[in-house]
Protein backbone atom coordinates (compact mmCIF):
# COMPACT_ATOMS: atom_id res chain seq x y z
CA MET A 1 68.50 -177.13 193.69
CA CYS A 2 68.23 -179.66 196.47
CA GLN A 3 70.03 -179.30 199.92
CA PHE A 4 72.40 -181.97 201.19
CA ILE A 5 73.46 -182.96 204.74
CA GLU A 6 76.39 -184.12 206.63
CA THR A 7 76.00 -185.55 210.08
CA ILE A 8 79.08 -185.73 212.01
CA CYS A 9 79.84 -187.03 215.47
CA ILE A 10 81.34 -184.78 218.14
CA ARG A 11 82.77 -186.73 221.02
CA ASN A 12 83.87 -184.39 223.79
CA GLY A 13 84.49 -181.72 221.58
CA GLU A 14 86.44 -183.70 218.72
CA PRO A 15 84.83 -184.32 215.58
CA GLU A 16 85.15 -187.90 214.29
CA ARG A 17 85.94 -189.21 210.62
CA LEU A 18 86.14 -185.73 208.97
CA ILE A 19 88.06 -187.11 206.28
CA TRP A 20 85.18 -189.61 205.19
CA HIS A 21 82.40 -186.60 205.55
CA ASN A 22 84.72 -184.25 203.29
CA GLU A 23 84.96 -187.04 200.76
CA ARG A 24 81.38 -187.52 200.73
CA LEU A 25 80.47 -183.94 200.88
CA ASN A 26 82.99 -182.78 197.98
CA ARG A 27 82.19 -185.90 195.77
CA THR A 28 78.55 -184.64 196.05
CA ARG A 29 79.09 -181.29 195.14
CA GLN A 30 81.29 -182.36 192.24
CA GLU A 31 78.70 -184.63 191.04
CA VAL A 32 75.58 -182.73 191.45
CA VAL A 33 76.73 -179.17 191.28
CA ALA A 34 79.92 -179.45 189.31
CA HIS A 35 81.80 -177.46 191.66
CA VAL A 36 85.47 -178.73 191.78
CA ASP A 37 86.75 -176.55 194.63
CA ARG A 38 87.14 -178.51 197.66
CA ILE A 39 85.61 -177.66 200.98
CA ASP A 40 87.30 -178.96 204.34
CA LEU A 41 84.77 -179.05 206.98
CA ILE A 42 87.14 -178.28 209.83
CA ASP A 43 87.12 -174.59 208.59
CA TYR A 44 83.40 -174.63 209.38
CA LEU A 45 83.15 -176.42 212.59
CA SER A 46 83.59 -173.87 215.50
CA ILE A 47 82.68 -176.22 218.34
CA PRO A 48 80.41 -174.62 221.12
CA VAL A 49 81.18 -174.99 224.63
CA LYS A 50 77.96 -177.00 225.33
CA ALA A 51 79.39 -179.74 222.76
CA LYS A 52 82.86 -179.82 224.52
CA ASN A 53 81.59 -182.68 226.77
CA GLY A 54 79.44 -185.75 225.82
CA LEU A 55 78.07 -186.84 222.49
CA PHE A 56 76.89 -184.44 220.07
CA LYS A 57 75.55 -184.20 216.54
CA CYS A 58 76.49 -181.90 214.25
CA ARG A 59 74.46 -181.36 211.04
CA VAL A 60 75.79 -179.52 208.21
CA THR A 61 73.57 -178.42 205.50
CA TYR A 62 74.82 -177.49 202.07
CA ARG A 63 74.25 -176.75 198.45
CA GLU A 64 77.35 -175.11 196.69
CA LYS A 65 78.53 -173.71 199.76
CA ILE A 66 78.00 -174.51 203.53
CA GLU A 67 74.71 -172.93 204.54
CA LYS A 68 74.21 -173.77 208.19
CA VAL A 69 76.00 -175.74 210.79
CA GLU A 70 73.95 -177.09 214.05
CA PHE A 71 74.68 -178.95 217.12
CA GLU A 72 72.59 -180.82 219.38
CA PRO A 73 72.76 -183.51 222.05
CA TYR A 74 72.57 -186.99 220.77
CA SER A 75 71.18 -190.25 222.45
CA MET A 76 70.86 -193.60 220.75
CA ARG A 77 67.50 -194.54 219.58
CA PRO A 78 67.31 -198.32 220.69
CA VAL A 79 66.40 -200.59 217.55
CA HIS A 80 65.81 -204.27 218.27
CA SER A 81 63.31 -205.05 215.72
CA LEU A 82 63.27 -204.44 211.91
CA ARG A 83 60.21 -204.56 209.28
CA LEU A 84 61.36 -205.56 205.86
CA VAL A 85 59.73 -203.01 203.29
CA ASN A 86 60.07 -202.64 199.52
CA ALA A 87 61.81 -199.66 198.57
CA ASN A 88 62.10 -200.08 194.74
CA ASP A 89 61.10 -196.47 193.99
CA VAL A 90 63.54 -194.71 196.32
CA ASP A 91 66.72 -192.93 195.29
CA TYR A 92 69.08 -191.69 198.20
CA GLN A 93 72.54 -192.10 196.53
CA TYR A 94 73.18 -188.43 197.88
CA LYS A 95 72.47 -187.47 201.54
CA TYR A 96 69.58 -185.21 200.75
CA ALA A 97 68.22 -182.89 203.49
CA ASN A 98 64.56 -183.96 202.23
CA ARG A 99 64.02 -187.22 203.80
CA GLU A 100 60.20 -187.36 203.11
CA LYS A 101 60.40 -190.46 201.15
CA LEU A 102 62.22 -192.28 203.92
CA GLN A 103 59.84 -190.87 206.64
CA ASP A 104 56.95 -192.38 204.45
CA LEU A 105 58.63 -195.74 204.46
CA PHE A 106 59.41 -195.76 208.27
CA ALA A 107 55.75 -195.12 208.55
CA GLN A 108 55.21 -198.69 207.43
CA ARG A 109 57.23 -200.37 210.16
CA GLY A 110 54.15 -201.40 212.06
CA ASP A 111 55.14 -202.90 215.27
CA ALA A 112 58.92 -202.94 214.62
CA ASP A 113 61.29 -200.22 215.90
CA ASP A 114 62.44 -199.34 212.15
CA VAL A 115 62.39 -200.44 208.50
CA LEU A 116 64.79 -202.65 206.32
CA LEU A 117 64.62 -201.56 202.95
CA VAL A 118 64.62 -203.88 200.24
CA LYS A 119 65.39 -202.63 196.70
CA ASN A 120 65.32 -204.78 193.70
CA GLY A 121 65.21 -207.91 195.79
CA PHE A 122 68.63 -206.92 197.93
CA ILE A 123 68.72 -205.41 201.20
CA THR A 124 70.09 -202.10 201.56
CA ASP A 125 69.64 -199.87 204.73
CA THR A 126 67.25 -198.86 207.54
CA SER A 127 65.59 -195.34 207.52
CA TYR A 128 68.70 -193.87 209.03
CA ALA A 129 71.58 -196.33 208.97
CA ASN A 130 73.51 -199.01 207.43
CA ILE A 131 73.38 -202.47 208.48
CA VAL A 132 75.71 -205.11 209.37
CA PHE A 133 75.40 -208.69 209.70
CA ARG A 134 77.58 -211.13 211.55
CA LYS A 135 78.32 -214.47 210.57
CA GLY A 136 80.69 -216.33 213.05
CA LYS A 137 83.45 -213.76 213.68
CA LYS A 138 82.87 -211.96 210.46
CA TRP A 139 80.83 -209.03 209.56
CA TYR A 140 79.21 -208.36 206.49
CA THR A 141 77.16 -205.31 204.86
CA PRO A 142 74.98 -205.02 201.91
CA ASP A 143 76.94 -204.17 198.77
CA THR A 144 73.60 -202.44 197.71
CA PRO A 145 73.19 -199.47 200.26
CA LEU A 146 70.82 -196.69 199.30
CA LEU A 147 73.56 -194.46 200.90
CA PRO A 148 77.38 -195.45 201.76
CA GLY A 149 77.74 -194.25 204.95
CA THR A 150 80.98 -192.52 206.38
CA ARG A 151 81.36 -194.98 209.27
CA ARG A 152 80.60 -197.89 206.82
CA ALA A 153 83.28 -196.56 204.40
CA CYS A 154 85.79 -196.21 207.45
CA TYR A 155 85.09 -199.91 208.49
CA LEU A 156 85.47 -201.22 204.84
CA ASN A 157 88.69 -199.39 204.45
CA GLN A 158 90.00 -201.00 207.83
CA SER A 159 88.65 -204.46 206.60
CA LYS A 160 86.50 -204.58 209.70
CA ILE A 161 83.58 -205.58 207.59
CA LYS A 162 83.08 -207.00 203.93
CA LEU A 163 80.84 -206.31 201.35
CA LEU A 164 78.14 -209.00 200.33
CA PRO A 165 75.03 -209.05 198.15
CA ILE A 166 72.26 -209.84 200.48
CA ARG A 167 68.91 -211.02 199.71
CA PRO A 168 65.91 -211.18 202.49
CA GLU A 169 66.13 -215.17 202.15
CA MET A 170 69.69 -215.26 203.06
CA LEU A 171 68.92 -213.61 206.73
CA PRO A 172 68.95 -217.24 208.41
CA GLU A 173 72.42 -217.59 207.41
CA PHE A 174 73.50 -214.62 210.04
CA ASP A 175 73.73 -214.73 213.65
CA GLU A 176 72.68 -211.35 214.36
CA ALA A 177 72.42 -207.76 212.93
CA ARG A 178 73.63 -204.28 213.99
CA LEU A 179 73.23 -200.58 212.67
CA ILE A 180 75.95 -198.20 211.97
CA ASN A 181 75.99 -194.65 210.98
CA ALA A 182 78.01 -191.48 211.82
CA MET A 183 76.83 -191.47 215.32
CA VAL A 184 76.78 -195.29 216.17
CA SER A 185 79.45 -197.45 216.18
CA LEU A 186 79.58 -201.22 215.53
CA GLU A 187 80.60 -201.99 219.31
CA GLU A 188 77.93 -199.56 220.70
CA SER A 189 74.80 -200.69 218.52
CA PRO A 190 72.27 -202.65 219.88
CA VAL A 191 71.91 -206.24 218.90
CA ILE A 192 69.03 -207.07 216.41
CA PRO A 193 68.17 -210.91 216.50
CA ILE A 194 67.62 -212.11 213.20
CA LYS A 195 64.23 -213.56 214.41
CA ASN A 196 63.24 -209.94 214.71
CA ILE A 197 63.62 -209.12 211.06
CA LYS A 198 60.34 -209.66 209.23
CA TRP A 199 58.21 -208.96 206.40
């Protein structure tokens, strides 16, 4: 059976958005392994002393049960340009530990910092994050993600971003793009100029 992961942001010793990580982990366990007993990640997060200050990434690996919990310091990868890449054959609806297909697509980035994956004609995600686009004062995220992220879910719940089907040819309608994931917020994310997103 496949392994799955949750990546949790630990900021100054405090885990962020656990409710959303619990939701995704338990949904995955229910849909893939038919386990209906719920796991609460807080019971497995023994924050080490080294992670009490600063930004740390907590990686939880699991199948039916939690198998491993790891902590490492986190520094943001600067992304200012994206290469549009076809990802019609990729299925990443669950957060699989095996990222081989995504790594193969990442290798197609050329001189760009990362890839922006296009599936069945619609923009999805980059190799490691959801994407959001600003139009005026409003932010939009594709309604066709490869993997609905936890921060994305939280922002949608807060009406901070809105869903929109986005095709590559629509990109000129937007003012800028940013990446979000468990570790990177909208405010912290580097700006990606639309002109820096190319085939």
